[in-house]
PDB file of N, CA and C in Angstrom:
ATOM      1  N   UNK A   1     193.443 132.024 119.438  1.00  0.00           N
ATOM      2  CA  UNK A   1     193.150 133.170 120.255  1.00  0.00           C
ATOM      3  C   UNK A   1     192.024 133.948 119.573  1.00  0.00           C
ATOM      4  N   UNK A   2     190.997 134.242 120.321  1.00  0.00           N
ATOM      5  CA  UNK A   2     189.884 135.027 119.801  1.00  0.00           C
ATOM      6  C   UNK A   2     190.274 136.484 119.725  1.00  0.00           C
ATOM      7  N   UNK A   3     189.336 137.295 119.237  1.00  0.00           N
ATOM      8  CA  UNK A   3     189.609 138.728 119.200  1.00  0.00           C
ATOM      9  C   UNK A   3     189.804 139.230 120.627  1.00  0.00           C
ATOM     10  N   UNK A   4     190.872 139.955 120.844  1.00  0.00           N
ATOM     11  CA  UNK A   4     191.201 140.488 122.155  1.00  0.00           C
ATOM     12  C   UNK A   4     191.450 141.971 122.035  1.00  0.00           C
ATOM     13  N   UNK A   5     190.957 142.733 123.020  1.00  0.00           N
ATOM     14  CA  UNK A   5     191.376 144.119 123.031  1.00  0.00           C
ATOM     15  C   UNK A   5     192.777 144.167 123.626  1.00  0.00           C
ATOM     16  N   UNK A   6     193.421 145.286 123.551  1.00  0.00           N
ATOM     17  CA  UNK A   6     194.820 145.385 123.977  1.00  0.00           C
ATOM     18  C   UNK A   6     195.005 144.982 125.431  1.00  0.00           C
ATOM     19  N   UNK A   7     194.122 145.407 126.307  1.00  0.00           N
ATOM     20  CA  UNK A   7     194.242 145.087 127.736  1.00  0.00           C
ATOM     21  C   UNK A   7     194.234 143.571 127.932  1.00  0.00           C
ATOM     22  N   UNK A   8     193.291 142.878 127.308  1.00  0.00           N
ATOM     23  CA  UNK A   8     193.226 141.426 127.444  1.00  0.00           C
ATOM     24  C   UNK A   8     194.434 140.746 126.824  1.00  0.00           C
ATOM     25  N   UNK A   9     194.968 141.322 125.774  1.00  0.00           N
ATOM     26  CA  UNK A   9     196.151 140.755 125.130  1.00  0.00           C
ATOM     27  C   UNK A   9     197.327 140.720 126.100  1.00  0.00           C
ATOM     28  N   UNK A  10     197.566 141.831 126.790  1.00  0.00           N
ATOM     29  CA  UNK A  10     198.677 141.890 127.738  1.00  0.00           C
ATOM     30  C   UNK A  10     198.440 140.948 128.912  1.00  0.00           C
ATOM     31  N   UNK A  11     197.210 140.849 129.391  1.00  0.00           N
ATOM     32  CA  UNK A  11     196.891 139.905 130.465  1.00  0.00           C
ATOM     33  C   UNK A  11     197.113 138.465 130.006  1.00  0.00           C
ATOM     34  N   UNK A  12     196.762 138.182 128.757  1.00  0.00           N
ATOM     35  CA  UNK A  12     196.961 136.864 128.170  1.00  0.00           C
ATOM     36  C   UNK A  12     198.452 136.506 128.158  1.00  0.00           C
ATOM     37  N   UNK A  13     199.300 137.457 127.749  1.00  0.00           N
ATOM     38  CA  UNK A  13     200.745 137.230 127.714  1.00  0.00           C
ATOM     39  C   UNK A  13     201.284 137.001 129.122  1.00  0.00           C
ATOM     40  N   UNK A  14     200.874 137.839 130.076  1.00  0.00           N
ATOM     41  CA  UNK A  14     201.351 137.692 131.465  1.00  0.00           C
ATOM     42  C   UNK A  14     200.987 136.322 132.028  1.00  0.00           C
ATOM     43  N   UNK A  15     199.745 135.880 131.787  1.00  0.00           N
ATOM     44  CA  UNK A  15     199.300 134.586 132.303  1.00  0.00           C
ATOM     45  C   UNK A  15     200.105 133.450 131.687  1.00  0.00           C
ATOM     46  N   UNK A  16     200.358 133.529 130.403  1.00  0.00           N
ATOM     47  CA  UNK A  16     201.109 132.466 129.742  1.00  0.00           C
ATOM     48  C   UNK A  16     202.557 132.412 130.208  1.00  0.00           C
ATOM     49  N   UNK A  17     203.148 133.543 130.515  1.00  0.00           N
ATOM     50  CA  UNK A  17     204.502 133.562 131.069  1.00  0.00           C
ATOM     51  C   UNK A  17     204.512 132.863 132.426  1.00  0.00           C
ATOM     52  N   UNK A  18     203.537 133.187 133.269  1.00  0.00           N
ATOM     53  CA  UNK A  18     203.451 132.571 134.595  1.00  0.00           C
ATOM     54  C   UNK A  18     203.211 131.066 134.479  1.00  0.00           C
ATOM     55  N   UNK A  19     202.345 130.658 133.553  1.00  0.00           N
ATOM     56  CA  UNK A  19     202.067 129.225 133.357  1.00  0.00           C
ATOM     57  C   UNK A  19     203.309 128.483 132.885  1.00  0.00           C
ATOM     58  N   UNK A  20     204.050 129.082 131.968  1.00  0.00           N
ATOM     59  CA  UNK A  20     205.275 128.462 131.457  1.00  0.00           C
ATOM     60  C   UNK A  20     206.304 128.311 132.567  1.00  0.00           C
ATOM     61  N   UNK A  21     206.474 129.355 133.362  1.00  0.00           N
ATOM     62  CA  UNK A  21     207.414 129.298 134.479  1.00  0.00           C
ATOM     63  C   UNK A  21     207.018 128.189 135.441  1.00  0.00           C
ATOM     64  N   UNK A  22     205.745 128.074 135.745  1.00  0.00           N
ATOM     65  CA  UNK A  22     205.253 127.037 136.651  1.00  0.00           C
ATOM     66  C   UNK A  22     205.550 125.641 136.106  1.00  0.00           C
ATOM     67  N   UNK A  23     205.326 125.442 134.818  1.00  0.00           N
ATOM     68  CA  UNK A  23     205.615 124.143 134.195  1.00  0.00           C
ATOM     69  C   UNK A  23     207.096 123.802 134.287  1.00  0.00           C
ATOM     70  N   UNK A  24     207.948 124.776 134.006  1.00  0.00           N
ATOM     71  CA  UNK A  24     209.397 124.540 134.049  1.00  0.00           C
ATOM     72  C   UNK A  24     209.832 124.186 135.464  1.00  0.00           C
ATOM     73  N   UNK A  25     209.282 124.877 136.454  1.00  0.00           N
ATOM     74  CA  UNK A  25     209.686 124.641 137.840  1.00  0.00           C
ATOM     75  C   UNK A  25     209.193 123.299 138.387  1.00  0.00           C
ATOM     76  N   UNK A  26     208.241 122.683 137.717  1.00  0.00           N
ATOM     77  CA  UNK A  26     207.739 121.384 138.162  1.00  0.00           C
ATOM     78  C   UNK A  26     208.633 120.220 137.725  1.00  0.00           C
ATOM     79  N   UNK A  27     209.610 120.490 136.877  1.00  0.00           N
ATOM     80  CA  UNK A  27     210.521 119.440 136.435  1.00  0.00           C
ATOM     81  C   UNK A  27     211.624 119.244 137.472  1.00  0.00           C
ATOM     82  N   UNK A  28     212.245 118.086 137.467  1.00  0.00           N
ATOM     83  CA  UNK A  28     213.322 117.778 138.409  1.00  0.00           C
ATOM     84  C   UNK A  28     214.662 118.241 137.848  1.00  0.00           C
ATOM     85  N   UNK A  29     215.350 119.072 138.623  1.00  0.00           N
ATOM     86  CA  UNK A  29     216.664 119.565 138.228  1.00  0.00           C
ATOM     87  C   UNK A  29     217.547 119.661 139.465  1.00  0.00           C
ATOM     88  N   UNK A  30     218.817 119.388 139.285  1.00  0.00           N
ATOM     89  CA  UNK A  30     219.771 119.524 140.379  1.00  0.00           C
ATOM     90  C   UNK A  30     220.048 120.994 140.698  1.00  0.00           C
ATOM     91  N   UNK A  31     220.035 121.828 139.692  1.00  0.00           N
ATOM     92  CA  UNK A  31     220.359 123.244 139.857  1.00  0.00           C
ATOM     93  C   UNK A  31     219.093 124.089 139.979  1.00  0.00           C
ATOM     94  N   UNK A  32     218.165 123.633 140.797  1.00  0.00           N
ATOM     95  CA  UNK A  32     216.861 124.280 140.909  1.00  0.00           C
ATOM     96  C   UNK A  32     216.965 125.749 141.296  1.00  0.00           C
ATOM     97  N   UNK A  33     217.834 126.098 142.225  1.00  0.00           N
ATOM     98  CA  UNK A  33     217.940 127.481 142.685  1.00  0.00           C
ATOM     99  C   UNK A  33     218.422 128.405 141.563  1.00  0.00           C
ATOM    100  N   UNK A  34     219.390 127.949 140.786  1.00  0.00           N
ATOM    101  CA  UNK A  34     219.870 128.755 139.657  1.00  0.00           C
ATOM    102  C   UNK A  34     218.784 128.923 138.602  1.00  0.00           C
ATOM    103  N   UNK A  35     218.075 127.836 138.327  1.00  0.00           N
ATOM    104  CA  UNK A  35     216.990 127.898 137.344  1.00  0.00           C
ATOM    105  C   UNK A  35     215.919 128.867 137.818  1.00  0.00           C
ATOM    106  N   UNK A  36     215.535 128.759 139.072  1.00  0.00           N
ATOM    107  CA  UNK A  36     214.501 129.634 139.621  1.00  0.00           C
ATOM    108  C   UNK A  36     214.941 131.102 139.556  1.00  0.00           C
ATOM    109  N   UNK A  37     216.194 131.369 139.913  1.00  0.00           N
ATOM    110  CA  UNK A  37     216.720 132.740 139.867  1.00  0.00           C
ATOM    111  C   UNK A  37     216.683 133.283 138.438  1.00  0.00           C
ATOM    112  N   UNK A  38     217.141 132.474 137.481  1.00  0.00           N
ATOM    113  CA  UNK A  38     217.144 132.899 136.082  1.00  0.00           C
ATOM    114  C   UNK A  38     215.731 133.125 135.554  1.00  0.00           C
ATOM    115  N   UNK A  39     214.809 132.238 135.939  1.00  0.00           N
ATOM    116  CA  UNK A  39     213.423 132.404 135.500  1.00  0.00           C
ATOM    117  C   UNK A  39     212.804 133.666 136.093  1.00  0.00           C
ATOM    118  N   UNK A  40     213.097 133.934 137.353  1.00  0.00           N
ATOM    119  CA  UNK A  40     212.573 135.152 137.982  1.00  0.00           C
ATOM    120  C   UNK A  40     213.112 136.398 137.298  1.00  0.00           C
ATOM    121  N   UNK A  41     214.405 136.389 136.973  1.00  0.00           N
ATOM    122  CA  UNK A  41     215.002 137.529 136.268  1.00  0.00           C
ATOM    123  C   UNK A  41     214.357 137.734 134.902  1.00  0.00           C
ATOM    124  N   UNK A  42     214.180 136.635 134.174  1.00  0.00           N
ATOM    125  CA  UNK A  42     213.564 136.704 132.850  1.00  0.00           C
ATOM    126  C   UNK A  42     212.114 137.168 132.954  1.00  0.00           C
ATOM    127  N   UNK A  43     211.390 136.624 133.916  1.00  0.00           N
ATOM    128  CA  UNK A  43     209.990 137.013 134.095  1.00  0.00           C
ATOM    129  C   UNK A  43     209.877 138.507 134.423  1.00  0.00           C
ATOM    130  N   UNK A  44     210.731 138.992 135.305  1.00  0.00           N
ATOM    131  CA  UNK A  44     210.695 140.410 135.670  1.00  0.00           C
ATOM    132  C   UNK A  44     211.018 141.306 134.481  1.00  0.00           C
ATOM    133  N   UNK A  45     211.985 140.878 133.678  1.00  0.00           N
ATOM    134  CA  UNK A  45     212.361 141.632 132.484  1.00  0.00           C
ATOM    135  C   UNK A  45     211.192 141.680 131.489  1.00  0.00           C
ATOM    136  N   UNK A  46     210.550 140.530 131.274  1.00  0.00           N
ATOM    137  CA  UNK A  46     209.410 140.473 130.355  1.00  0.00           C
ATOM    138  C   UNK A  46     208.243 141.304 130.868  1.00  0.00           C
ATOM    139  N   UNK A  47     207.973 141.213 132.165  1.00  0.00           N
ATOM    140  CA  UNK A  47     206.879 141.998 132.739  1.00  0.00           C
ATOM    141  C   UNK A  47     207.129 143.491 132.560  1.00  0.00           C
ATOM    142  N   UNK A  48     208.369 143.909 132.774  1.00  0.00           N
ATOM    143  CA  UNK A  48     208.719 145.323 132.608  1.00  0.00           C
ATOM    144  C   UNK A  48     208.477 145.770 131.167  1.00  0.00           C
ATOM    145  N   UNK A  49     208.909 144.956 130.211  1.00  0.00           N
ATOM    146  CA  UNK A  49     208.731 145.305 128.806  1.00  0.00           C
ATOM    147  C   UNK A  49     207.257 145.302 128.402  1.00  0.00           C
ATOM    148  N   UNK A  50     206.498 144.335 128.902  1.00  0.00           N
ATOM    149  CA  UNK A  50     205.066 144.274 128.599  1.00  0.00           C
ATOM    150  C   UNK A  50     204.353 145.477 129.193  1.00  0.00           C
ATOM    151  N   UNK A  51     204.696 145.836 130.421  1.00  0.00           N
ATOM    152  CA  UNK A  51     204.086 147.004 131.057  1.00  0.00           C
ATOM    153  C   UNK A  51     204.401 148.274 130.280  1.00  0.00           C
ATOM    154  N   UNK A  52     205.614 148.380 129.778  1.00  0.00           N
ATOM    155  CA  UNK A  52     206.015 149.539 128.969  1.00  0.00           C
ATOM    156  C   UNK A  52     205.201 149.596 127.678  1.00  0.00           C
ATOM    157  N   UNK A  53     205.054 148.443 127.013  1.00  0.00           N
ATOM    158  CA  UNK A  53     204.250 148.397 125.790  1.00  0.00           C
ATOM    159  C   UNK A  53     202.804 148.783 126.077  1.00  0.00           C
ATOM    160  N   UNK A  54     202.266 148.227 127.152  1.00  0.00           N
ATOM    161  CA  UNK A  54     200.880 148.508 127.505  1.00  0.00           C
ATOM    162  C   UNK A  54     200.681 149.999 127.808  1.00  0.00           C
ATOM    163  N   UNK A  55     201.635 150.578 128.494  1.00  0.00           N
ATOM    164  CA  UNK A  55     201.566 151.982 128.874  1.00  0.00           C
ATOM    165  C   UNK A  55     201.521 152.897 127.647  1.00  0.00           C
ATOM    166  N   UNK A  56     202.231 152.515 126.598  1.00  0.00           N
ATOM    167  CA  UNK A  56     202.338 153.356 125.403  1.00  0.00           C
ATOM    168  C   UNK A  56     201.435 152.914 124.256  1.00  0.00           C
ATOM    169  N   UNK A  57     200.519 152.001 124.529  1.00  0.00           N
ATOM    170  CA  UNK A  57     199.619 151.528 123.484  1.00  0.00           C
ATOM    171  C   UNK A  57     198.664 152.624 123.071  1.00  0.00           C
ATOM    172  N   UNK A  58     198.578 152.846 121.769  1.00  0.00           N
ATOM    173  CA  UNK A  58     197.651 153.847 121.246  1.00  0.00           C
ATOM    174  C   UNK A  58     196.516 153.197 120.452  1.00  0.00           C
ATOM    175  N   UNK A  59     196.647 151.915 120.179  1.00  0.00           N
ATOM    176  CA  UNK A  59     195.664 151.226 119.361  1.00  0.00           C
ATOM    177  C   UNK A  59     194.710 150.417 120.233  1.00  0.00           C
ATOM    178  N   UNK A  60     193.496 150.215 119.727  1.00  0.00           N
ATOM    179  CA  UNK A  60     192.538 149.351 120.411  1.00  0.00           C
ATOM    180  C   UNK A  60     192.613 147.927 119.885  1.00  0.00           C
ATOM    181  N   UNK A  61     193.259 147.742 118.739  1.00  0.00           N
ATOM    182  CA  UNK A  61     193.327 146.417 118.125  1.00  0.00           C
ATOM    183  C   UNK A  61     194.721 146.192 117.551  1.00  0.00           C
ATOM    184  N   UNK A  62     195.094 144.932 117.443  1.00  0.00           N
ATOM    185  CA  UNK A  62     196.353 144.555 116.800  1.00  0.00           C
ATOM    186  C   UNK A  62     196.027 144.025 115.409  1.00  0.00           C
ATOM    187  N   UNK A  63     196.855 144.347 114.450  1.00  0.00           N
ATOM    188  CA  UNK A  63     196.723 143.787 113.112  1.00  0.00           C
ATOM    189  C   UNK A  63     198.013 143.050 112.800  1.00  0.00           C
ATOM    190  N   UNK A  64     197.866 141.802 112.429  1.00  0.00           N
ATOM    191  CA  UNK A  64     199.020 140.970 112.099  1.00  0.00           C
ATOM    192  C   UNK A  64     198.980 140.686 110.607  1.00  0.00           C
ATOM    193  N   UNK A  65     200.086 140.935 109.927  1.00  0.00           N
ATOM    194  CA  UNK A  65     200.168 140.698 108.491  1.00  0.00           C
ATOM    195  C   UNK A  65     201.121 139.540 108.213  1.00  0.00           C
ATOM    196  N   UNK A  66     200.742 138.699 107.285  1.00  0.00           N
ATOM    197  CA  UNK A  66     201.567 137.573 106.867  1.00  0.00           C
ATOM    198  C   UNK A  66     201.906 137.767 105.399  1.00  0.00           C
ATOM    199  N   UNK A  67     203.159 137.509 105.048  1.00  0.00           N
ATOM    200  CA  UNK A  67     203.599 137.653 103.661  1.00  0.00           C
ATOM    201  C   UNK A  67     204.114 136.310 103.167  1.00  0.00           C
ATOM    202  N   UNK A  68     203.714 135.967 101.953  1.00  0.00           N
ATOM    203  CA  UNK A  68     204.209 134.714 101.391  1.00  0.00           C
ATOM    204  C   UNK A  68     205.388 135.012 100.466  1.00  0.00           C
ATOM    205  N   UNK A  69     205.773 134.058  99.687  1.00  0.00           N
ATOM    206  CA  UNK A  69     206.955 134.188  98.843  1.00  0.00           C
ATOM    207  C   UNK A  69     206.848 135.309  97.819  1.00  0.00           C
ATOM    208  N   UNK A  70     205.628 135.676  97.430  1.00  0.00           N
ATOM    209  CA  UNK A  70     205.453 136.727  96.438  1.00  0.00           C
ATOM    210  C   UNK A  70     205.294 138.092  97.090  1.00  0.00           C
ATOM    211  N   UNK A  71     205.406 138.134  98.431  1.00  0.00           N
ATOM    212  CA  UNK A  71     205.184 139.337  99.226  1.00  0.00           C
ATOM    213  C   UNK A  71     203.774 139.900  99.097  1.00  0.00           C
ATOM    214  N   UNK A  72     202.843 139.020  98.744  1.00  0.00           N
ATOM    215  CA  UNK A  72     201.438 139.411  98.720  1.00  0.00           C
ATOM    216  C   UNK A  72     200.917 139.279 100.157  1.00  0.00           C
ATOM    217  N   UNK A  73     200.591 140.385 100.755  1.00  0.00           N
ATOM    218  CA  UNK A  73     200.227 140.379 102.163  1.00  0.00           C
ATOM    219  C   UNK A  73     198.826 139.880 102.429  1.00  0.00           C
ATOM    220  N   UNK A  74     198.702 139.163 103.510  1.00  0.00           N
ATOM    221  CA  UNK A  74     197.419 138.724 104.039  1.00  0.00           C
ATOM    222  C   UNK A  74     197.400 139.236 105.475  1.00  0.00           C
ATOM    223  N   UNK A  75     196.311 139.828 105.904  1.00  0.00           N
ATOM    224  CA  UNK A  75     196.299 140.359 107.257  1.00  0.00           C
ATOM    225  C   UNK A  75     195.043 139.947 107.999  1.00  0.00           C
ATOM    226  N   UNK A  76     195.148 139.959 109.290  1.00  0.00           N
ATOM    227  CA  UNK A  76     194.021 139.715 110.177  1.00  0.00           C
ATOM    228  C   UNK A  76     194.188 140.628 111.366  1.00  0.00           C
ATOM    229  N   UNK A  77     193.088 141.026 111.956  1.00  0.00           N
ATOM    230  CA  UNK A  77     193.232 141.871 113.139  1.00  0.00           C
ATOM    231  C   UNK A  77     192.703 141.129 114.350  1.00  0.00           C
ATOM    232  N   UNK A  78     193.339 141.405 115.489  1.00  0.00           N
ATOM    233  CA  UNK A  78     192.999 140.762 116.752  1.00  0.00           C
ATOM    234  C   UNK A  78     192.376 141.781 117.671  1.00  0.00           C
TER     235      UNK A  78
END
């Protein structure tokens, strides 16, 4: 993932959720209606949480820190 501003980050997450749901629904299952209902519920829940995060975002960039066994931090910003 290249550098993304916050708005593009949330759009990226939304698109990937939709793509994942589409892939899952393309598989053959006997309980398709239950799967579809559960996926819709999960998607709606995730969208609500993402919208809430986006609404309260105060930063223009994300910084992700990685820690190894010595707790020496390495960070990168997106």
